[in-house]
Amino acid sequence: TDKSVMKTIEFAKELGADVSQFSITTPYPSTALWDMAEEMGVIDEGFSDWGTFFLNGDHMDPIMKTYTLSSDKLLKFYKKAWRALYIQKAYRTLKSPTKTYKVLKRRGVIPAAVSLYKKIVCP
C-alpha cells in the first residue's frame, strides 16, 4: 500500500546509512518467481519486449503488478525513495563544512583545486 511504501522510505531515512538500495521485484522467464507471478495473473499483459525493459539505463519498467499499487505508482515511489534518501544525504553533507571537505578530499577535488591554484596564482 501507499502507506507501507512511505513507512519503508521513512525508515530508510531514519537509518542514515551512507548507501541505500531500492529495487522493484522483477520476475524473469523460466524462474520460480515468474511461474508464480503468471499463476497469480500479476504479469503486466502490456509487457512483451525485453529490449525496452531498461529506461535511461537507470531503472526498469515494472512488469509485475501488485494488488494495491499500479506499475506507474510503483515507479513513482521507486524514484521518490532514491530522491528522498540522496537529497537528504547531500544536505547533511553540505551543512557540515568538515564533512564536505572530507568528501571533496576523498574524491580528489581538494588536491586538484590546490594544484590548479598553485599553477595560476603562484607561478
PDB file of N, CA and C in Angstrom:
ATOM      1  N   THR A   1       0.843  -1.189   0.000  1.00  0.00           N
ATOM      2  CA  THR A   1       0.000   0.000   0.000  1.00  0.00           C
ATOM      3  C   THR A   1       0.882   1.244   0.000  1.00  0.00           C
ATOM      4  N   ASP A   2       0.265   2.380  -0.315  1.00  0.00           N
ATOM      5  CA  ASP A   2       1.000   3.649  -0.287  1.00  0.00           C
ATOM      6  C   ASP A   2       1.631   3.851   1.088  1.00  0.00           C
ATOM      7  N   LYS A   3       0.851   3.555   2.115  1.00  0.00           N
ATOM      8  CA  LYS A   3       1.302   3.781   3.485  1.00  0.00           C
ATOM      9  C   LYS A   3       2.533   2.926   3.820  1.00  0.00           C
ATOM     10  N   SER A   4       2.518   1.658   3.413  1.00  0.00           N
ATOM     11  CA  SER A   4       3.658   0.788   3.735  1.00  0.00           C
ATOM     12  C   SER A   4       4.912   1.202   2.969  1.00  0.00           C
ATOM     13  N   VAL A   5       4.757   1.673   1.739  1.00  0.00           N
ATOM     14  CA  VAL A   5       5.912   2.145   0.970  1.00  0.00           C
ATOM     15  C   VAL A   5       6.498   3.389   1.634  1.00  0.00           C
ATOM     16  N   MET A   6       5.638   4.326   2.039  1.00  0.00           N
ATOM     17  CA  MET A   6       6.121   5.549   2.690  1.00  0.00           C
ATOM     18  C   MET A   6       6.794   5.228   4.032  1.00  0.00           C
ATOM     19  N   LYS A   7       6.266   4.248   4.758  1.00  0.00           N
ATOM     20  CA  LYS A   7       6.897   3.853   6.021  1.00  0.00           C
ATOM     21  C   LYS A   7       8.286   3.278   5.762  1.00  0.00           C
ATOM     22  N   THR A   8       8.440   2.521   4.691  1.00  0.00           N
ATOM     23  CA  THR A   8       9.740   1.958   4.340  1.00  0.00           C
ATOM     24  C   THR A   8      10.735   3.068   3.991  1.00  0.00           C
ATOM     25  N   ILE A   9      10.292   4.054   3.208  1.00  0.00           N
ATOM     26  CA  ILE A   9      11.157   5.178   2.841  1.00  0.00           C
ATOM     27  C   ILE A   9      11.565   5.949   4.090  1.00  0.00           C
ATOM     28  N   GLU A  10      10.622   6.233   4.970  1.00  0.00           N
ATOM     29  CA  GLU A  10      10.928   6.962   6.202  1.00  0.00           C
ATOM     30  C   GLU A  10      11.902   6.172   7.077  1.00  0.00           C
ATOM     31  N   PHE A  11      11.711   4.865   7.160  1.00  0.00           N
ATOM     32  CA  PHE A  11      12.619   4.021   7.940  1.00  0.00           C
ATOM     33  C   PHE A  11      14.032   4.083   7.370  1.00  0.00           C
ATOM     34  N   ALA A  12      14.148   4.014   6.059  1.00  0.00           N
ATOM     35  CA  ALA A  12      15.465   4.089   5.409  1.00  0.00           C
ATOM     36  C   ALA A  12      16.131   5.434   5.701  1.00  0.00           C
ATOM     37  N   LYS A  13      15.345   6.516   5.692  1.00  0.00           N
ATOM     38  CA  LYS A  13      15.895   7.833   6.005  1.00  0.00           C
ATOM     39  C   LYS A  13      16.384   7.892   7.453  1.00  0.00           C
ATOM     40  N   GLU A  14      15.616   7.304   8.375  1.00  0.00           N
ATOM     41  CA  GLU A  14      15.993   7.305   9.790  1.00  0.00           C
ATOM     42  C   GLU A  14      17.294   6.552  10.036  1.00  0.00           C
ATOM     43  N   LEU A  15      17.558   5.520   9.240  1.00  0.00           N
ATOM     44  CA  LEU A  15      18.777   4.739   9.424  1.00  0.00           C
ATOM     45  C   LEU A  15      20.027   5.582   9.178  1.00  0.00           C
ATOM     46  N   GLY A  16      19.922   6.554   8.256  1.00  0.00           N
ATOM     47  CA  GLY A  16      21.052   7.432   7.973  1.00  0.00           C
ATOM     48  C   GLY A  16      22.244   6.715   7.355  1.00  0.00           C
ATOM     49  N   ALA A  17      22.002   5.638   6.645  1.00  0.00           N
ATOM     50  CA  ALA A  17      23.087   4.874   6.027  1.00  0.00           C
ATOM     51  C   ALA A  17      23.781   5.690   4.935  1.00  0.00           C
ATOM     52  N   ASP A  18      25.053   5.388   4.704  1.00  0.00           N
ATOM     53  CA  ASP A  18      25.780   6.059   3.627  1.00  0.00           C
ATOM     54  C   ASP A  18      25.243   5.639   2.262  1.00  0.00           C
ATOM     55  N   VAL A  19      24.825   4.393   2.148  1.00  0.00           N
ATOM     56  CA  VAL A  19      24.321   3.866   0.878  1.00  0.00           C
ATOM     57  C   VAL A  19      23.044   3.090   1.151  1.00  0.00           C
ATOM     58  N   SER A  20      22.060   3.277   0.297  1.00  0.00           N
ATOM     59  CA  SER A  20      20.815   2.517   0.392  1.00  0.00           C
ATOM     60  C   SER A  20      20.476   1.991  -0.998  1.00  0.00           C
ATOM     61  N   GLN A  21      19.729   0.917  -1.041  1.00  0.00           N
ATOM     62  CA  GLN A  21      19.367   0.313  -2.317  1.00  0.00           C
ATOM     63  C   GLN A  21      17.865   0.075  -2.351  1.00  0.00           C
ATOM     64  N   PHE A  22      17.231   0.512  -3.417  1.00  0.00           N
ATOM     65  CA  PHE A  22      15.821   0.231  -3.635  1.00  0.00           C
ATOM     66  C   PHE A  22      15.699  -0.503  -4.954  1.00  0.00           C
ATOM     67  N   SER A  23      14.839  -1.475  -5.002  1.00  0.00           N
ATOM     68  CA  SER A  23      14.648  -2.257  -6.215  1.00  0.00           C
ATOM     69  C   SER A  23      13.176  -2.574  -6.396  1.00  0.00           C
ATOM     70  N   ILE A  24      12.799  -2.792  -7.634  1.00  0.00           N
ATOM     71  CA  ILE A  24      11.457  -3.260  -7.953  1.00  0.00           C
ATOM     72  C   ILE A  24      11.595  -4.728  -8.312  1.00  0.00           C
ATOM     73  N   THR A  25      10.890  -5.566  -7.601  1.00  0.00           N
ATOM     74  CA  THR A  25      10.993  -7.004  -7.858  1.00  0.00           C
ATOM     75  C   THR A  25      10.625  -7.306  -9.301  1.00  0.00           C
ATOM     76  N   THR A  26      11.478  -8.062  -9.954  1.00  0.00           N
ATOM     77  CA  THR A  26      11.276  -8.372 -11.367  1.00  0.00           C
ATOM     78  C   THR A  26      11.383  -9.872 -11.589  1.00  0.00           C
ATOM     79  N   PRO A  27      10.297 -10.497 -12.004  1.00  0.00           N
ATOM     80  CA  PRO A  27      10.381 -11.925 -12.328  1.00  0.00           C
ATOM     81  C   PRO A  27      10.950 -12.120 -13.736  1.00  0.00           C
ATOM     82  N   TYR A  28      11.869 -13.040 -13.877  1.00  0.00           N
ATOM     83  CA  TYR A  28      12.434 -13.349 -15.195  1.00  0.00           C
ATOM     84  C   TYR A  28      11.843 -14.673 -15.671  1.00  0.00           C
ATOM     85  N   PRO A  29      11.623 -14.790 -16.991  1.00  0.00           N
ATOM     86  CA  PRO A  29      11.066 -16.037 -17.531  1.00  0.00           C
ATOM     87  C   PRO A  29      11.888 -17.256 -17.103  1.00  0.00           C
ATOM     88  N   SER A  30      11.199 -18.342 -16.926  1.00  0.00           N
ATOM     89  CA  SER A  30      11.792 -19.632 -16.538  1.00  0.00           C
ATOM     90  C   SER A  30      12.337 -19.641 -15.117  1.00  0.00           C
ATOM     91  N   THR A  31      11.834 -18.725 -14.271  1.00  0.00           N
ATOM     92  CA  THR A  31      12.212 -18.760 -12.854  1.00  0.00           C
ATOM     93  C   THR A  31      10.959 -19.081 -12.040  1.00  0.00           C
ATOM     94  N   ALA A  32      11.183 -19.480 -10.805  1.00  0.00           N
ATOM     95  CA  ALA A  32      10.057 -19.804  -9.926  1.00  0.00           C
ATOM     96  C   ALA A  32       9.177 -18.566  -9.697  1.00  0.00           C
ATOM     97  N   LEU A  33       9.791 -17.394  -9.565  1.00  0.00           N
ATOM     98  CA  LEU A  33       9.013 -16.174  -9.354  1.00  0.00           C
ATOM     99  C   LEU A  33       8.145 -15.868 -10.571  1.00  0.00           C
ATOM    100  N   TRP A  34       8.681 -16.063 -11.772  1.00  0.00           N
ATOM    101  CA  TRP A  34       7.911 -15.837 -12.995  1.00  0.00           C
ATOM    102  C   TRP A  34       6.706 -16.780 -13.026  1.00  0.00           C
ATOM    103  N   ASP A  35       6.949 -18.049 -12.751  1.00  0.00           N
ATOM    104  CA  ASP A  35       5.861 -19.027 -12.770  1.00  0.00           C
ATOM    105  C   ASP A  35       4.781 -18.669 -11.749  1.00  0.00           C
ATOM    106  N   MET A  36       5.212 -18.258 -10.555  1.00  0.00           N
ATOM    107  CA  MET A  36       4.260 -17.881  -9.515  1.00  0.00           C
ATOM    108  C   MET A  36       3.475 -16.631  -9.936  1.00  0.00           C
ATOM    109  N   ALA A  37       4.167 -15.641 -10.506  1.00  0.00           N
ATOM    110  CA  ALA A  37       3.509 -14.402 -10.931  1.00  0.00           C
ATOM    111  C   ALA A  37       2.518 -14.677 -12.061  1.00  0.00           C
ATOM    112  N   GLU A  38       2.882 -15.553 -12.988  1.00  0.00           N
ATOM    113  CA  GLU A  38       1.963 -15.921 -14.070  1.00  0.00           C
ATOM    114  C   GLU A  38       0.721 -16.611 -13.516  1.00  0.00           C
ATOM    115  N   GLU A  39       0.943 -17.523 -12.576  1.00  0.00           N
ATOM    116  CA  GLU A  39      -0.159 -18.241 -11.944  1.00  0.00           C
ATOM    117  C   GLU A  39      -1.121 -17.278 -11.243  1.00  0.00           C
ATOM    118  N   MET A  40      -0.559 -16.252 -10.603  1.00  0.00           N
ATOM    119  CA  MET A  40      -1.365 -15.272  -9.876  1.00  0.00           C
ATOM    120  C   MET A  40      -1.954 -14.210 -10.810  1.00  0.00           C
ATOM    121  N   GLY A  41      -1.516 -14.186 -12.063  1.00  0.00           N
ATOM    122  CA  GLY A  41      -2.030 -13.224 -13.027  1.00  0.00           C
ATOM    123  C   GLY A  41      -1.542 -11.800 -12.807  1.00  0.00           C
ATOM    124  N   VAL A  42      -0.319 -11.654 -12.276  1.00  0.00           N
ATOM    125  CA  VAL A  42       0.178 -10.304 -11.988  1.00  0.00           C
ATOM    126  C   VAL A  42       1.262  -9.823 -12.965  1.00  0.00           C
ATOM    127  N   ILE A  43       1.556 -10.611 -14.000  1.00  0.00           N
ATOM    128  CA  ILE A  43       2.483 -10.140 -15.039  1.00  0.00           C
ATOM    129  C   ILE A  43       1.710  -9.145 -15.894  1.00  0.00           C
ATOM    130  N   ASP A  44       2.269  -7.984 -16.112  1.00  0.00           N
ATOM    131  CA  ASP A  44       1.627  -6.943 -16.923  1.00  0.00           C
ATOM    132  C   ASP A  44       1.483  -7.439 -18.362  1.00  0.00           C
ATOM    133  N   GLU A  45       0.234  -7.567 -18.818  1.00  0.00           N
ATOM    134  CA  GLU A  45      -0.012  -8.076 -20.175  1.00  0.00           C
ATOM    135  C   GLU A  45       0.584  -7.167 -21.245  1.00  0.00           C
ATOM    136  N   GLY A  46       0.752  -5.894 -20.914  1.00  0.00           N
ATOM    137  CA  GLY A  46       1.314  -4.948 -21.867  1.00  0.00           C
ATOM    138  C   GLY A  46       2.808  -5.129 -22.078  1.00  0.00           C
ATOM    139  N   PHE A  47       3.444  -5.901 -21.207  1.00  0.00           N
ATOM    140  CA  PHE A  47       4.879  -6.105 -21.327  1.00  0.00           C
ATOM    141  C   PHE A  47       5.159  -7.236 -22.299  1.00  0.00           C
ATOM    142  N   SER A  48       5.974  -6.955 -23.303  1.00  0.00           N
ATOM    143  CA  SER A  48       6.314  -8.018 -24.245  1.00  0.00           C
ATOM    144  C   SER A  48       7.726  -7.890 -24.786  1.00  0.00           C
ATOM    145  N   ASP A  49       8.366  -6.756 -24.592  1.00  0.00           N
ATOM    146  CA  ASP A  49       9.648  -6.518 -25.232  1.00  0.00           C
ATOM    147  C   ASP A  49      10.751  -6.309 -24.200  1.00  0.00           C
ATOM    148  N   TRP A  50      11.588  -7.323 -24.009  1.00  0.00           N
ATOM    149  CA  TRP A  50      12.697  -7.189 -23.059  1.00  0.00           C
ATOM    150  C   TRP A  50      13.688  -6.133 -23.527  1.00  0.00           C
ATOM    151  N   GLY A  51      13.661  -5.782 -24.806  1.00  0.00           N
ATOM    152  CA  GLY A  51      14.546  -4.739 -25.330  1.00  0.00           C
ATOM    153  C   GLY A  51      14.210  -3.369 -24.767  1.00  0.00           C
ATOM    154  N   THR A  52      12.975  -3.158 -24.326  1.00  0.00           N
ATOM    155  CA  THR A  52      12.589  -1.870 -23.746  1.00  0.00           C
ATOM    156  C   THR A  52      12.514  -1.941 -22.221  1.00  0.00           C
ATOM    157  N   PHE A  53      13.043  -3.018 -21.673  1.00  0.00           N
ATOM    158  CA  PHE A  53      12.953  -3.245 -20.233  1.00  0.00           C
ATOM    159  C   PHE A  53      13.655  -2.155 -19.436  1.00  0.00           C
ATOM    160  N   PHE A  54      14.835  -1.715 -19.893  1.00  0.00           N
ATOM    161  CA  PHE A  54      15.573  -0.670 -19.187  1.00  0.00           C
ATOM    162  C   PHE A  54      15.226   0.687 -19.774  1.00  0.00           C
ATOM    163  N   LEU A  55      14.934   1.644 -18.901  1.00  0.00           N
ATOM    164  CA  LEU A  55      14.659   3.010 -19.317  1.00  0.00           C
ATOM    165  C   LEU A  55      15.821   3.881 -18.880  1.00  0.00           C
ATOM    166  N   ASN A  56      16.400   4.615 -19.799  1.00  0.00           N
ATOM    167  CA  ASN A  56      17.502   5.530 -19.481  1.00  0.00           C
ATOM    168  C   ASN A  56      18.660   4.834 -18.778  1.00  0.00           C
ATOM    169  N   GLY A  57      18.707   3.534 -18.804  1.00  0.00           N
ATOM    170  CA  GLY A  57      19.798   2.806 -18.189  1.00  0.00           C
ATOM    171  C   GLY A  57      19.850   2.856 -16.668  1.00  0.00           C
ATOM    172  N   ASP A  58      18.854   3.454 -16.022  1.00  0.00           N
ATOM    173  CA  ASP A  58      18.962   3.584 -14.568  1.00  0.00           C
ATOM    174  C   ASP A  58      17.840   2.916 -13.787  1.00  0.00           C
ATOM    175  N   HIS A  59      16.810   2.511 -14.429  1.00  0.00           N
ATOM    176  CA  HIS A  59      15.755   1.790 -13.715  1.00  0.00           C
ATOM    177  C   HIS A  59      14.953   0.959 -14.710  1.00  0.00           C
ATOM    178  N   MET A  60      14.111   0.122 -14.186  1.00  0.00           N
ATOM    179  CA  MET A  60      13.345  -0.774 -15.031  1.00  0.00           C
ATOM    180  C   MET A  60      11.863  -0.462 -14.957  1.00  0.00           C
ATOM    181  N   ASP A  61      11.206  -0.651 -16.048  1.00  0.00           N
ATOM    182  CA  ASP A  61       9.755  -0.548 -16.065  1.00  0.00           C
ATOM    183  C   ASP A  61       9.195  -1.735 -15.293  1.00  0.00           C
ATOM    184  N   PRO A  62       8.355  -1.513 -14.295  1.00  0.00           N
ATOM    185  CA  PRO A  62       7.794  -2.657 -13.568  1.00  0.00           C
ATOM    186  C   PRO A  62       6.959  -3.531 -14.505  1.00  0.00           C
ATOM    187  N   ILE A  63       7.192  -4.834 -14.441  1.00  0.00           N
ATOM    188  CA  ILE A  63       6.421  -5.736 -15.297  1.00  0.00           C
ATOM    189  C   ILE A  63       5.485  -6.616 -14.474  1.00  0.00           C
ATOM    190  N   MET A  64       5.580  -6.488 -13.161  1.00  0.00           N
ATOM    191  CA  MET A  64       4.711  -7.272 -12.287  1.00  0.00           C
ATOM    192  C   MET A  64       3.829  -6.306 -11.515  1.00  0.00           C
ATOM    193  N   LYS A  65       2.529  -6.486 -11.660  1.00  0.00           N
ATOM    194  CA  LYS A  65       1.575  -5.640 -10.943  1.00  0.00           C
ATOM    195  C   LYS A  65       1.468  -6.092  -9.495  1.00  0.00           C
ATOM    196  N   THR A  66       1.048  -5.163  -8.658  1.00  0.00           N
ATOM    197  CA  THR A  66       0.724  -5.553  -7.282  1.00  0.00           C
ATOM    198  C   THR A  66      -0.784  -5.375  -7.116  1.00  0.00           C
ATOM    199  N   TYR A  67      -1.312  -5.902  -6.052  1.00  0.00           N
ATOM    200  CA  TYR A  67      -2.745  -5.780  -5.836  1.00  0.00           C
ATOM    201  C   TYR A  67      -3.150  -4.377  -5.401  1.00  0.00           C
ATOM    202  N   THR A  68      -2.193  -3.614  -4.844  1.00  0.00           N
ATOM    203  CA  THR A  68      -2.546  -2.305  -4.305  1.00  0.00           C
ATOM    204  C   THR A  68      -1.880  -1.125  -5.012  1.00  0.00           C
ATOM    205  N   LEU A  69      -0.825  -1.365  -5.795  1.00  0.00           N
ATOM    206  CA  LEU A  69      -0.120  -0.279  -6.480  1.00  0.00           C
ATOM    207  C   LEU A  69      -0.014  -0.556  -7.968  1.00  0.00           C
ATOM    208  N   SER A  70      -0.317   0.453  -8.771  1.00  0.00           N
ATOM    209  CA  SER A  70      -0.157   0.306 -10.211  1.00  0.00           C
ATOM    210  C   SER A  70       1.338   0.347 -10.547  1.00  0.00           C
ATOM    211  N   SER A  71       1.694  -0.093 -11.739  1.00  0.00           N
ATOM    212  CA  SER A  71       3.090  -0.043 -12.165  1.00  0.00           C
ATOM    213  C   SER A  71       3.608   1.394 -12.158  1.00  0.00           C
ATOM    214  N   ASP A  72       2.768   2.331 -12.610  1.00  0.00           N
ATOM    215  CA  ASP A  72       3.177   3.738 -12.628  1.00  0.00           C
ATOM    216  C   ASP A  72       3.443   4.250 -11.217  1.00  0.00           C
ATOM    217  N   LYS A  73       2.571   3.905 -10.293  1.00  0.00           N
ATOM    218  CA  LYS A  73       2.725   4.369  -8.919  1.00  0.00           C
ATOM    219  C   LYS A  73       3.961   3.725  -8.281  1.00  0.00           C
ATOM    220  N   LEU A  74       4.189   2.474  -8.584  1.00  0.00           N
ATOM    221  CA  LEU A  74       5.351   1.771  -8.063  1.00  0.00           C
ATOM    222  C   LEU A  74       6.639   2.452  -8.539  1.00  0.00           C
ATOM    223  N   LEU A  75       6.675   2.820  -9.811  1.00  0.00           N
ATOM    224  CA  LEU A  75       7.840   3.508 -10.361  1.00  0.00           C
ATOM    225  C   LEU A  75       8.006   4.893  -9.727  1.00  0.00           C
ATOM    226  N   LYS A  76       6.916   5.584  -9.478  1.00  0.00           N
ATOM    227  CA  LYS A  76       6.987   6.898  -8.818  1.00  0.00           C
ATOM    228  C   LYS A  76       7.553   6.763  -7.406  1.00  0.00           C
ATOM    229  N   PHE A  77       7.116   5.748  -6.663  1.00  0.00           N
ATOM    230  CA  PHE A  77       7.651   5.527  -5.324  1.00  0.00           C
ATOM    231  C   PHE A  77       9.143   5.167  -5.374  1.00  0.00           C
ATOM    232  N   TYR A  78       9.520   4.380  -6.360  1.00  0.00           N
ATOM    233  CA  TYR A  78      10.924   3.996  -6.541  1.00  0.00           C
ATOM    234  C   TYR A  78      11.789   5.248  -6.703  1.00  0.00           C
ATOM    235  N   LYS A  79      11.364   6.142  -7.580  1.00  0.00           N
ATOM    236  CA  LYS A  79      12.105   7.388  -7.809  1.00  0.00           C
ATOM    237  C   LYS A  79      12.075   8.274  -6.563  1.00  0.00           C
ATOM    238  N   LYS A  80      10.931   8.321  -5.901  1.00  0.00           N
ATOM    239  CA  LYS A  80      10.792   9.141  -4.692  1.00  0.00           C
ATOM    240  C   LYS A  80      11.749   8.656  -3.601  1.00  0.00           C
ATOM    241  N   ALA A  81      11.876   7.357  -3.454  1.00  0.00           N
ATOM    242  CA  ALA A  81      12.768   6.802  -2.435  1.00  0.00           C
ATOM    243  C   ALA A  81      14.212   7.217  -2.697  1.00  0.00           C
ATOM    244  N   TRP A  82      14.658   7.099  -3.932  1.00  0.00           N
ATOM    245  CA  TRP A  82      16.024   7.492  -4.272  1.00  0.00           C
ATOM    246  C   TRP A  82      16.234   8.977  -4.007  1.00  0.00           C
ATOM    247  N   ARG A  83      15.292   9.793  -4.461  1.00  0.00           N
ATOM    248  CA  ARG A  83      15.427  11.247  -4.239  1.00  0.00           C
ATOM    249  C   ARG A  83      15.437  11.578  -2.755  1.00  0.00           C
ATOM    250  N   ALA A  84      14.521  10.996  -2.012  1.00  0.00           N
ATOM    251  CA  ALA A  84      14.398  11.307  -0.588  1.00  0.00           C
ATOM    252  C   ALA A  84      15.697  11.006   0.153  1.00  0.00           C
ATOM    253  N   LEU A  85      16.290   9.866  -0.115  1.00  0.00           N
ATOM    254  CA  LEU A  85      17.491   9.490   0.611  1.00  0.00           C
ATOM    255  C   LEU A  85      18.713  10.263   0.154  1.00  0.00           C
ATOM    256  N   TYR A  86      18.885  10.423  -1.135  1.00  0.00           N
ATOM    257  CA  TYR A  86      20.124  11.039  -1.592  1.00  0.00           C
ATOM    258  C   TYR A  86      20.098  12.554  -1.520  1.00  0.00           C
ATOM    259  N   ILE A  87      18.942  13.170  -1.572  1.00  0.00           N
ATOM    260  CA  ILE A  87      18.866  14.615  -1.340  1.00  0.00           C
ATOM    261  C   ILE A  87      19.144  14.883   0.137  1.00  0.00           C
ATOM    262  N   GLN A  88      18.575  14.054   1.014  1.00  0.00           N
ATOM    263  CA  GLN A  88      18.817  14.201   2.443  1.00  0.00           C
ATOM    264  C   GLN A  88      20.303  14.011   2.749  1.00  0.00           C
ATOM    265  N   LYS A  89      20.915  13.013   2.128  1.00  0.00           N
ATOM    266  CA  LYS A  89      22.343  12.755   2.353  1.00  0.00           C
ATOM    267  C   LYS A  89      23.187  13.939   1.874  1.00  0.00           C
ATOM    268  N   ALA A  90      22.868  14.492   0.709  1.00  0.00           N
ATOM    269  CA  ALA A  90      23.610  15.645   0.197  1.00  0.00           C
ATOM    270  C   ALA A  90      23.455  16.836   1.137  1.00  0.00           C
ATOM    271  N   TYR A  91      22.265  17.056   1.638  1.00  0.00           N
ATOM    272  CA  TYR A  91      22.021  18.169   2.558  1.00  0.00           C
ATOM    273  C   TYR A  91      22.838  18.001   3.839  1.00  0.00           C
ATOM    274  N   ARG A  92      22.809  16.780   4.411  1.00  0.00           N
ATOM    275  CA  ARG A  92      23.573  16.529   5.638  1.00  0.00           C
ATOM    276  C   ARG A  92      25.063  16.745   5.417  1.00  0.00           C
ATOM    277  N   THR A  93      25.550  16.354   4.249  1.00  0.00           N
ATOM    278  CA  THR A  93      26.967  16.522   3.946  1.00  0.00           C
ATOM    279  C   THR A  93      27.318  17.987   3.782  1.00  0.00           C
ATOM    280  N   LEU A  94      26.504  18.721   3.027  1.00  0.00           N
ATOM    281  CA  LEU A  94      26.821  20.118   2.737  1.00  0.00           C
ATOM    282  C   LEU A  94      26.645  21.046   3.932  1.00  0.00           C
ATOM    283  N   LYS A  95      25.782  20.688   4.880  1.00  0.00           N
ATOM    284  CA  LYS A  95      25.591  21.581   6.031  1.00  0.00           C
ATOM    285  C   LYS A  95      26.737  21.463   7.037  1.00  0.00           C
ATOM    286  N   SER A  96      27.599  20.492   6.846  1.00  0.00           N
ATOM    287  CA  SER A  96      28.761  20.318   7.716  1.00  0.00           C
ATOM    288  C   SER A  96      30.021  20.594   6.891  1.00  0.00           C
ATOM    289  N   PRO A  97      30.672  21.745   7.108  1.00  0.00           N
ATOM    290  CA  PRO A  97      31.885  22.056   6.335  1.00  0.00           C
ATOM    291  C   PRO A  97      32.962  20.980   6.453  1.00  0.00           C
ATOM    292  N   THR A  98      33.110  20.405   7.635  1.00  0.00           N
ATOM    293  CA  THR A  98      34.131  19.370   7.823  1.00  0.00           C
ATOM    294  C   THR A  98      33.813  18.151   6.972  1.00  0.00           C
ATOM    295  N   LYS A  99      32.546  17.740   6.985  1.00  0.00           N
ATOM    296  CA  LYS A  99      32.132  16.577   6.212  1.00  0.00           C
ATOM    297  C   LYS A  99      32.277  16.862   4.713  1.00  0.00           C
ATOM    298  N   THR A 100      31.905  18.067   4.300  1.00  0.00           N
ATOM    299  CA  THR A 100      32.021  18.448   2.892  1.00  0.00           C
ATOM    300  C   THR A 100      33.481  18.386   2.461  1.00  0.00           C
ATOM    301  N   TYR A 101      34.370  18.936   3.288  1.00  0.00           N
ATOM    302  CA  TYR A 101      35.799  18.924   2.973  1.00  0.00           C
ATOM    303  C   TYR A 101      36.301  17.482   2.824  1.00  0.00           C
ATOM    304  N   LYS A 102      35.899  16.602   3.749  1.00  0.00           N
ATOM    305  CA  LYS A 102      36.349  15.209   3.701  1.00  0.00           C
ATOM    306  C   LYS A 102      35.861  14.508   2.429  1.00  0.00           C
ATOM    307  N   VAL A 103      34.623  14.764   2.050  1.00  0.00           N
ATOM    308  CA  VAL A 103      34.078  14.150   0.834  1.00  0.00           C
ATOM    309  C   VAL A 103      34.840  14.654  -0.384  1.00  0.00           C
ATOM    310  N   LEU A 104      35.036  15.967  -0.465  1.00  0.00           N
ATOM    311  CA  LEU A 104      35.752  16.533  -1.609  1.00  0.00           C
ATOM    312  C   LEU A 104      37.198  16.047  -1.654  1.00  0.00           C
ATOM    313  N   LYS A 105      37.835  15.933  -0.505  1.00  0.00           N
ATOM    314  CA  LYS A 105      39.214  15.451  -0.450  1.00  0.00           C
ATOM    315  C   LYS A 105      39.288  13.999  -0.907  1.00  0.00           C
ATOM    316  N   ARG A 106      38.369  13.186  -0.404  1.00  0.00           N
ATOM    317  CA  ARG A 106      38.347  11.763  -0.755  1.00  0.00           C
ATOM    318  C   ARG A 106      38.142  11.570  -2.253  1.00  0.00           C
ATOM    319  N   ARG A 107      37.384  12.455  -2.868  1.00  0.00           N
ATOM    320  CA  ARG A 107      37.118  12.341  -4.308  1.00  0.00           C
ATOM    321  C   ARG A 107      38.184  13.032  -5.155  1.00  0.00           C
ATOM    322  N   GLY A 108      39.200  13.576  -4.508  1.00  0.00           N
ATOM    323  CA  GLY A 108      40.298  14.168  -5.244  1.00  0.00           C
ATOM    324  C   GLY A 108      40.078  15.601  -5.685  1.00  0.00           C
ATOM    325  N   VAL A 109      38.993  16.230  -5.247  1.00  0.00           N
ATOM    326  CA  VAL A 109      38.686  17.588  -5.680  1.00  0.00           C
ATOM    327  C   VAL A 109      39.618  18.596  -5.009  1.00  0.00           C
ATOM    328  N   ILE A 110      39.883  18.432  -3.722  1.00  0.00           N
ATOM    329  CA  ILE A 110      40.723  19.382  -2.986  1.00  0.00           C
ATOM    330  C   ILE A 110      42.153  19.394  -3.547  1.00  0.00           C
ATOM    331  N   PRO A 111      42.817  18.238  -3.683  1.00  0.00           N
ATOM    332  CA  PRO A 111      44.179  18.278  -4.237  1.00  0.00           C
ATOM    333  C   PRO A 111      44.230  18.888  -5.647  1.00  0.00           C
ATOM    334  N   ALA A 112      43.237  18.596  -6.460  1.00  0.00           N
ATOM    335  CA  ALA A 112      43.207  19.148  -7.817  1.00  0.00           C
ATOM    336  C   ALA A 112      43.043  20.665  -7.774  1.00  0.00           C
ATOM    337  N   ALA A 113      42.178  21.161  -6.874  1.00  0.00           N
ATOM    338  CA  ALA A 113      41.962  22.600  -6.758  1.00  0.00           C
ATOM    339  C   ALA A 113      43.225  23.298  -6.245  1.00  0.00           C
ATOM    340  N   VAL A 114      43.886  22.703  -5.273  1.00  0.00           N
ATOM    341  CA  VAL A 114      45.125  23.280  -4.733  1.00  0.00           C
ATOM    342  C   VAL A 114      46.193  23.322  -5.824  1.00  0.00           C
ATOM    343  N   SER A 115      46.322  22.257  -6.569  1.00  0.00           N
ATOM    344  CA  SER A 115      47.297  22.199  -7.652  1.00  0.00           C
ATOM    345  C   SER A 115      47.013  23.269  -8.706  1.00  0.00           C
ATOM    346  N   LEU A 116      45.758  23.408  -9.091  1.00  0.00           N
ATOM    347  CA  LEU A 116      45.372  24.417 -10.079  1.00  0.00           C
ATOM    348  C   LEU A 116      45.647  25.823  -9.536  1.00  0.00           C
ATOM    349  N   TYR A 117      45.308  26.045  -8.270  1.00  0.00           N
ATOM    350  CA  TYR A 117      45.538  27.347  -7.620  1.00  0.00           C
ATOM    351  C   TYR A 117      47.037  27.697  -7.657  1.00  0.00           C
ATOM    352  N   LYS A 118      47.883  26.717  -7.310  1.00  0.00           N
ATOM    353  CA  LYS A 118      49.336  26.948  -7.304  1.00  0.00           C
ATOM    354  C   LYS A 118      49.850  27.278  -8.700  1.00  0.00           C
ATOM    355  N   LYS A 119      49.305  26.630  -9.712  1.00  0.00           N
ATOM    356  CA  LYS A 119      49.751  26.888 -11.089  1.00  0.00           C
ATOM    357  C   LYS A 119      49.336  28.282 -11.555  1.00  0.00           C
ATOM    358  N   ILE A 120      48.166  28.732 -11.127  1.00  0.00           N
ATOM    359  CA  ILE A 120      47.637  30.012 -11.590  1.00  0.00           C
ATOM    360  C   ILE A 120      48.169  31.177 -10.760  1.00  0.00           C
ATOM    361  N   VAL A 121      48.114  31.059  -9.442  1.00  0.00           N
ATOM    362  CA  VAL A 121      48.422  32.173  -8.539  1.00  0.00           C
ATOM    363  C   VAL A 121      49.896  32.233  -8.175  1.00  0.00           C
ATOM    364  N   CYS A 122      50.532  31.109  -8.044  1.00  0.00           N
ATOM    365  CA  CYS A 122      51.938  31.057  -7.580  1.00  0.00           C
ATOM    366  C   CYS A 122      52.835  30.503  -8.677  1.00  0.00           C
ATOM    367  N   PRO A 123      53.124  31.302  -9.710  1.00  0.00           N
ATOM    368  CA  PRO A 123      53.941  30.766 -10.819  1.00  0.00           C
ATOM    369  C   PRO A 123      55.366  30.466 -10.456  1.00  0.00           C
TER     370      PRO A 123
END
